[in-house]
Amino acid sequence: MKKITFFATMVLASFSLYAQNPVDAPKAIIDSDFMRELTTTSGVLIAIFLFTTFFLNLIRSFLDSKLKNRLVEKGATEDLVSQLLQPLKTESRLEPLKWFSILSGIGLGLSLIDAFQPLGIHSLAIMAFSLAAGFLAYYFFTKKSNP
């Protein structure tokens, strides 16, 4: 959660720091209206994400506590209850590799889109194939590392 929030903040900060005034640069790619719309939309999406994540975690902890109390009332041992309600461990040693492959696919796609101007429907196809290539590379690496 902290990593996602930090990453989103850094991306939005880089967009706002790189914004240009169309008066000073008449050939600016990104105008101020687009940047305003981007930051507003991104802010709303991040707020919705944080709000729903908070309530989902609150509900999960409440239900886990309720289940734990019922199991203790039924006569289950404390060790068994704690083993059943351990948080799921999703971090693995391949998690950074997954993010590297996804972000490198995005970077490759954006580079290819920049090389093949003007923007159009082919830009979406380039981005889709670049992301698919990143996921495919991750799949082959995990398949090779896990026999």
Protein backbone atom coordinates (compact mmCIF):
# COMPACT_ATOMS: atom_id res chain seq x y z
CA MET A 1 0.00 0.00 0.00
CA LYS A 2 2.79 2.42 0.89
CA LYS A 3 4.66 1.53 -2.28
CA ILE A 4 1.62 2.22 -4.46
CA THR A 5 0.94 5.55 -2.77
CA PHE A 6 4.58 6.60 -3.05
CA PHE A 7 4.76 5.57 -6.72
CA ALA A 8 1.53 7.41 -7.60
CA THR A 9 2.73 10.52 -5.78
CA MET A 10 6.05 10.48 -7.61
CA VAL A 11 4.39 10.03 -11.00
CA LEU A 12 1.93 12.85 -10.40
CA ALA A 13 4.68 15.10 -9.06
CA SER A 14 6.78 14.47 -12.16
CA PHE A 15 3.84 15.38 -14.39
CA SER A 16 3.25 18.65 -12.56
CA LEU A 17 6.96 19.54 -12.49
CA TYR A 18 7.34 18.98 -16.22
CA ALA A 19 4.25 21.01 -17.16
CA GLN A 20 4.90 23.82 -19.60
CA ASN A 21 3.16 27.07 -20.24
CA PRO A 22 1.74 27.13 -23.82
CA VAL A 23 2.51 30.86 -24.11
CA ASP A 24 6.23 30.28 -23.57
CA ALA A 25 6.32 27.13 -25.67
CA PRO A 26 3.80 27.26 -28.52
CA LYS A 27 4.57 23.67 -29.55
CA ALA A 28 3.96 22.22 -26.09
CA ILE A 29 2.65 18.66 -26.27
CA ILE A 30 0.73 18.83 -23.00
CA ASP A 31 -1.38 21.90 -22.35
CA SER A 32 -2.52 23.15 -18.95
CA ASP A 33 -6.12 21.96 -19.42
CA PHE A 34 -4.91 18.41 -19.95
CA MET A 35 -2.66 18.59 -16.88
CA ARG A 36 -5.52 19.96 -14.76
CA GLU A 37 -7.82 17.19 -15.95
CA LEU A 38 -5.12 14.56 -15.37
CA THR A 39 -4.38 15.67 -11.83
CA THR A 40 -8.07 15.98 -10.96
CA THR A 41 -8.90 12.55 -12.31
CA SER A 42 -5.83 10.97 -10.72
CA GLY A 43 -6.60 12.60 -7.38
CA VAL A 44 -10.17 11.35 -7.42
CA LEU A 45 -9.08 7.81 -8.33
CA ILE A 46 -6.41 7.74 -5.62
CA ALA A 47 -8.90 9.06 -3.03
CA ILE A 48 -11.45 6.39 -3.99
CA PHE A 49 -8.75 3.71 -3.81
CA LEU A 50 -7.58 4.83 -0.37
CA PHE A 51 -11.13 5.14 0.94
CA THR A 52 -12.22 1.68 -0.22
CA THR A 53 -8.95 0.05 0.90
CA PHE A 54 -9.37 1.50 4.38
CA PHE A 55 -12.91 0.22 4.73
CA LEU A 56 -12.10 -3.21 3.30
CA ASN A 57 -9.24 -3.61 5.78
CA LEU A 58 -11.49 -2.44 8.60
CA ILE A 59 -14.19 -4.97 7.66
CA ARG A 60 -11.60 -7.75 7.27
CA SER A 61 -10.11 -7.11 10.71
CA PHE A 62 -13.58 -7.00 12.28
CA LEU A 63 -14.63 -10.28 10.69
CA ASP A 64 -11.30 -11.95 11.57
CA SER A 65 -11.72 -10.89 15.19
CA LYS A 66 -15.29 -12.19 15.24
CA LEU A 67 -14.23 -15.52 13.72
CA LYS A 68 -11.34 -15.83 16.14
CA ASN A 69 -13.65 -15.28 19.13
CA ARG A 70 -16.11 -17.89 17.86
CA LEU A 71 -13.36 -20.44 17.32
CA VAL A 72 -12.04 -19.86 20.84
CA GLU A 73 -15.59 -20.25 22.23
CA LYS A 74 -15.96 -23.57 20.41
CA GLY A 75 -12.86 -24.91 22.12
CA ALA A 76 -10.16 -24.57 19.46
CA THR A 77 -6.68 -23.93 20.74
CA GLU A 78 -5.16 -20.48 20.51
CA ASP A 79 -2.32 -21.74 18.30
CA LEU A 80 -4.75 -23.28 15.81
CA VAL A 81 -6.80 -20.09 15.66
CA SER A 82 -3.73 -17.93 15.07
CA GLN A 83 -2.50 -20.28 12.34
CA LEU A 84 -5.86 -20.17 10.56
CA LEU A 85 -6.06 -16.40 10.65
CA GLN A 86 -2.50 -15.53 9.65
CA PRO A 87 -2.34 -12.87 6.96
CA LEU A 88 -1.66 -14.18 3.48
CA LYS A 89 1.97 -13.74 2.48
CA THR A 90 1.96 -12.33 -1.03
CA GLU A 91 5.52 -10.98 -1.12
CA SER A 92 7.84 -13.26 -2.96
CA ARG A 93 11.33 -12.91 -4.26
CA LEU A 94 9.95 -12.62 -7.79
CA GLU A 95 7.75 -9.61 -7.01
CA PRO A 96 10.40 -7.02 -8.01
CA LEU A 97 11.01 -8.92 -11.23
CA LYS A 98 7.30 -8.77 -12.04
CA TRP A 99 7.23 -5.00 -11.56
CA PHE A 100 10.43 -4.62 -13.57
CA SER A 101 8.94 -6.54 -16.49
CA ILE A 102 5.69 -4.56 -16.36
CA LEU A 103 7.40 -1.17 -16.14
CA SER A 104 9.94 -2.04 -18.81
CA GLY A 105 7.08 -3.10 -21.10
CA ILE A 106 5.39 0.25 -20.46
CA GLY A 107 8.65 2.07 -21.12
CA LEU A 108 9.21 0.16 -24.33
CA GLY A 109 5.66 0.90 -25.43
CA LEU A 110 5.96 4.61 -24.72
CA SER A 111 9.28 4.74 -26.57
CA LEU A 112 7.77 3.04 -29.61
CA ILE A 113 4.72 5.30 -29.50
CA ASP A 114 7.02 8.33 -29.45
CA ALA A 115 8.96 6.95 -32.41
CA PHE A 116 5.85 6.28 -34.52
CA GLN A 117 3.97 9.58 -34.45
CA PRO A 118 1.14 10.75 -34.87
CA LEU A 119 -0.89 9.28 -32.03
CA GLY A 120 -3.78 7.09 -33.04
CA ILE A 121 -5.28 3.65 -32.65
CA HIS A 122 -1.94 2.09 -33.54
CA SER A 123 -0.55 3.65 -30.34
CA LEU A 124 -2.93 1.54 -28.28
CA ALA A 125 -1.89 -1.56 -30.19
CA ILE A 126 1.79 -0.78 -29.61
CA MET A 127 1.18 -0.31 -25.87
CA ALA A 128 -0.86 -3.53 -25.64
CA PHE A 129 1.81 -5.58 -27.41
CA SER A 130 4.59 -4.04 -25.30
CA LEU A 131 2.78 -4.88 -22.07
CA ALA A 132 2.07 -8.37 -23.35
CA ALA A 133 5.76 -8.80 -24.14
CA GLY A 134 6.65 -7.72 -20.59
CA PHE A 135 4.20 -10.20 -19.09
CA LEU A 136 5.42 -12.93 -21.42
CA ALA A 137 9.02 -12.33 -20.35
CA TYR A 138 7.96 -12.56 -16.70
CA TYR A 139 6.04 -15.77 -17.40
CA PHE A 140 9.01 -17.41 -19.10
CA PHE A 141 11.35 -16.40 -16.32
CA THR A 142 9.06 -17.76 -13.58
CA LYS A 143 8.49 -20.94 -15.57
CA LYS A 144 12.25 -21.38 -15.91
CA SER A 145 12.95 -20.68 -12.21
CA ASN A 146 10.12 -22.93 -10.88
CA PRO A 147 10.44 -26.46 -12.31
